[in-house]
Amino acid sequence: MRGSSVSKLASALRQIEREEYAHERALQTLAAGIMTPADLHSRKRRAQRFYASLSRSSSLGEHFARIAALDSFVCRIMDSLSRAQQVKKTPLRYLFDAIKSDEVRHVAVSRRYARMLGIDSTELIRQKRLIGFRIVHFLQPEADAFECLGVDPDQLFLNLEPGRRL
């Protein structure tokens, strides 16, 4: 990559990092207003392990492909949440829609850099399948929480995991 491409890449990554941090703060503020689950510590540890497993990439291009895949699934999750009966007529919808909007941009940026770093369409699809299986496995213990919000977890997981059948 040329110097200007590296500079643009670094700038795009800093922007994504700022937006992800803002998403985290907004979601933590939201979580502070609801009852804390008794197993919060184990949930946080499970989340840390999930994200750590995604960061083990063989190349920077593969890492960008994984970011693109993960963020595309976050878009689907945010879309499901914003359309949920218990959410769609509340201010939460605007938060979920705003996160989805940012994540759509993150997917485009990540895919662009993955391709610049030699990742082809076949590898993008392979990474998306891999991340899809992992994210469903990660979210399955939270099925009841999705249901409480009016999201059918089986439909959501079907939408996230390629090849999954009800």
Protein backbone atom coordinates (compact mmCIF):
# COMPACT_ATOMS: atom_id res chain seq x y z
CA MET A 1 0.00 0.00 0.00
CA ARG A 2 1.15 3.51 -0.74
CA GLY A 3 1.68 6.08 2.01
CA SER A 4 -1.56 7.93 1.27
CA SER A 5 -3.51 4.64 1.42
CA VAL A 6 -1.96 3.79 4.78
CA SER A 7 -2.84 7.26 6.07
CA LYS A 8 -6.44 6.91 4.87
CA LEU A 9 -6.62 3.45 6.41
CA ALA A 10 -5.38 4.73 9.77
CA SER A 11 -7.85 7.62 9.66
CA ALA A 12 -10.76 5.30 8.80
CA LEU A 13 -9.79 2.97 11.64
CA ARG A 14 -9.65 5.83 14.14
CA GLN A 15 -13.12 6.96 13.03
CA ILE A 16 -14.50 3.43 13.41
CA GLU A 17 -12.88 3.15 16.83
CA ARG A 18 -14.48 6.45 17.96
CA GLU A 19 -17.90 5.31 16.73
CA GLU A 20 -17.59 1.89 18.36
CA TYR A 21 -16.64 3.58 21.63
CA ALA A 22 -19.71 5.87 21.34
CA HIS A 23 -21.91 2.80 20.71
CA GLU A 24 -20.46 1.10 23.78
CA ARG A 25 -21.07 4.17 25.96
CA ALA A 26 -24.65 4.53 24.74
CA LEU A 27 -25.40 0.85 25.33
CA GLN A 28 -23.77 0.95 28.79
CA THR A 29 -25.90 3.96 29.69
CA LEU A 30 -28.95 2.04 28.54
CA ALA A 31 -27.90 -1.04 30.51
CA ALA A 32 -27.38 1.04 33.66
CA GLY A 33 -31.11 1.78 33.65
CA ILE A 34 -32.17 -1.85 33.69
CA MET A 35 -31.77 -4.65 36.18
CA THR A 36 -28.26 -6.10 36.29
CA PRO A 37 -28.20 -9.84 35.61
CA ALA A 38 -26.76 -11.99 38.37
CA ASP A 39 -24.27 -13.53 35.95
CA LEU A 40 -22.98 -10.24 34.52
CA HIS A 41 -19.34 -11.11 35.18
CA SER A 42 -19.58 -14.43 33.31
CA ARG A 43 -21.37 -12.71 30.42
CA LYS A 44 -18.61 -10.12 30.17
CA ARG A 45 -15.95 -12.84 30.23
CA ARG A 46 -17.78 -14.74 27.50
CA ALA A 47 -17.93 -11.55 25.40
CA GLN A 48 -14.21 -10.94 25.92
CA ARG A 49 -13.42 -14.49 24.77
CA PHE A 50 -15.68 -14.06 21.74
CA TYR A 51 -14.00 -10.82 20.63
CA ALA A 52 -10.53 -12.17 21.37
CA SER A 53 -11.23 -15.20 19.16
CA LEU A 54 -12.15 -12.89 16.29
CA SER A 55 -8.90 -10.96 16.58
CA ARG A 56 -6.77 -14.05 15.86
CA SER A 57 -6.32 -13.48 12.14
CA SER A 58 -3.55 -14.71 9.88
CA SER A 59 -3.27 -11.34 8.13
CA LEU A 60 -4.46 -7.76 8.29
CA GLY A 61 -6.65 -8.43 5.25
CA GLU A 62 -8.34 -11.34 7.01
CA HIS A 63 -8.83 -9.14 10.07
CA PHE A 64 -10.65 -6.55 7.93
CA ALA A 65 -12.77 -9.32 6.38
CA ARG A 66 -13.78 -10.41 9.87
CA ILE A 67 -14.62 -6.85 10.90
CA ALA A 68 -16.78 -6.49 7.78
CA ALA A 69 -18.56 -9.76 8.56
CA LEU A 70 -19.12 -8.98 12.24
CA ASP A 71 -20.37 -5.47 11.54
CA SER A 72 -22.75 -6.76 8.86
CA PHE A 73 -24.25 -9.06 11.50
CA VAL A 74 -24.47 -6.18 13.97
CA CYS A 75 -26.49 -4.35 11.29
CA ARG A 76 -28.92 -7.26 11.12
CA ILE A 77 -29.20 -7.43 14.90
CA MET A 78 -29.80 -3.68 15.22
CA ASP A 79 -32.40 -3.87 12.45
CA SER A 80 -34.21 -6.70 14.25
CA LEU A 81 -34.10 -4.77 17.53
CA SER A 82 -35.35 -1.50 16.03
CA ARG A 83 -38.30 -3.30 14.38
CA ALA A 84 -39.22 -5.26 17.53
CA GLN A 85 -42.70 -4.56 18.85
CA GLN A 86 -41.47 -3.47 22.30
CA VAL A 87 -38.86 -1.13 20.79
CA LYS A 88 -40.18 0.41 17.57
CA LYS A 89 -42.31 3.06 19.28
CA THR A 90 -39.64 4.09 21.77
CA PRO A 91 -36.50 6.24 21.64
CA LEU A 92 -34.46 3.01 21.66
CA ARG A 93 -35.32 2.61 18.00
CA TYR A 94 -33.33 5.73 17.19
CA LEU A 95 -30.30 4.43 19.08
CA PHE A 96 -30.43 1.06 17.30
CA ASP A 97 -30.94 2.76 13.92
CA ALA A 98 -28.00 5.12 14.55
CA ILE A 99 -25.74 2.21 15.47
CA LYS A 100 -26.87 0.34 12.36
CA SER A 101 -26.10 3.37 10.20
CA ASP A 102 -22.56 3.59 11.55
CA GLU A 103 -22.05 -0.16 11.19
CA VAL A 104 -23.12 -0.05 7.52
CA ARG A 105 -20.29 2.42 6.93
CA HIS A 106 -17.87 0.24 8.93
CA VAL A 107 -18.72 -2.73 6.69
CA ALA A 108 -17.99 -0.73 3.55
CA VAL A 109 -14.68 0.60 4.88
CA SER A 110 -13.58 -2.81 6.17
CA ARG A 111 -14.45 -4.59 2.91
CA ARG A 112 -12.61 -1.97 0.89
CA TYR A 113 -9.44 -2.41 2.93
CA ALA A 114 -9.76 -6.20 2.99
CA ARG A 115 -9.84 -6.15 -0.82
CA MET A 116 -6.92 -3.72 -0.97
CA LEU A 117 -4.99 -6.19 1.19
CA GLY A 118 -5.64 -9.10 -1.18
CA ILE A 119 -8.84 -10.65 0.20
CA ASP A 120 -11.07 -11.90 -2.60
CA SER A 121 -14.84 -12.49 -2.64
CA THR A 122 -14.45 -16.18 -1.80
CA GLU A 123 -12.51 -15.36 1.36
CA LEU A 124 -14.99 -12.62 2.33
CA ILE A 125 -17.79 -15.18 2.07
CA ARG A 126 -15.78 -17.77 4.03
CA GLN A 127 -15.12 -15.28 6.82
CA LYS A 128 -18.77 -14.25 6.88
CA ARG A 129 -19.85 -17.88 7.31
CA LEU A 130 -17.29 -18.42 10.05
CA ILE A 131 -18.34 -15.27 11.93
CA GLY A 132 -22.02 -16.12 11.42
CA PHE A 133 -21.61 -19.48 13.15
CA ARG A 134 -19.58 -17.92 15.96
CA ILE A 135 -21.98 -15.04 16.60
CA VAL A 136 -25.00 -17.36 16.77
CA HIS A 137 -23.15 -19.60 19.22
CA PHE A 138 -22.25 -16.50 21.24
CA LEU A 139 -25.81 -15.11 21.25
CA GLN A 140 -27.78 -18.32 21.86
CA PRO A 141 -27.59 -18.00 25.66
CA GLU A 142 -29.26 -14.59 25.28
CA ALA A 143 -32.28 -15.93 23.39
CA ASP A 144 -34.65 -15.09 26.26
CA ALA A 145 -33.47 -11.47 26.30
CA PHE A 146 -34.20 -11.12 22.58
CA GLU A 147 -37.62 -12.63 23.14
CA CYS A 148 -38.35 -10.14 25.94
CA LEU A 149 -37.70 -7.34 23.46
CA GLY A 150 -40.05 -8.91 20.91
CA VAL A 151 -37.37 -10.41 18.66
CA ASP A 152 -37.88 -14.05 17.68
CA PRO A 153 -34.45 -15.53 18.49
CA ASP A 154 -34.91 -18.46 16.10
CA GLN A 155 -35.61 -16.09 13.21
CA LEU A 156 -32.73 -13.84 14.23
CA PHE A 157 -30.28 -16.75 14.44
CA LEU A 158 -31.54 -18.11 11.11
CA ASN A 159 -30.81 -14.67 9.62
CA LEU A 160 -27.31 -14.65 11.11
CA GLU A 161 -26.05 -18.17 10.55
CA PRO A 162 -25.71 -19.42 6.98
CA GLY A 163 -27.21 -22.86 6.50
CA ARG A 164 -29.06 -22.91 9.83
CA ARG A 165 -32.55 -24.42 9.73
CA LEU A 166 -35.38 -24.07 12.24
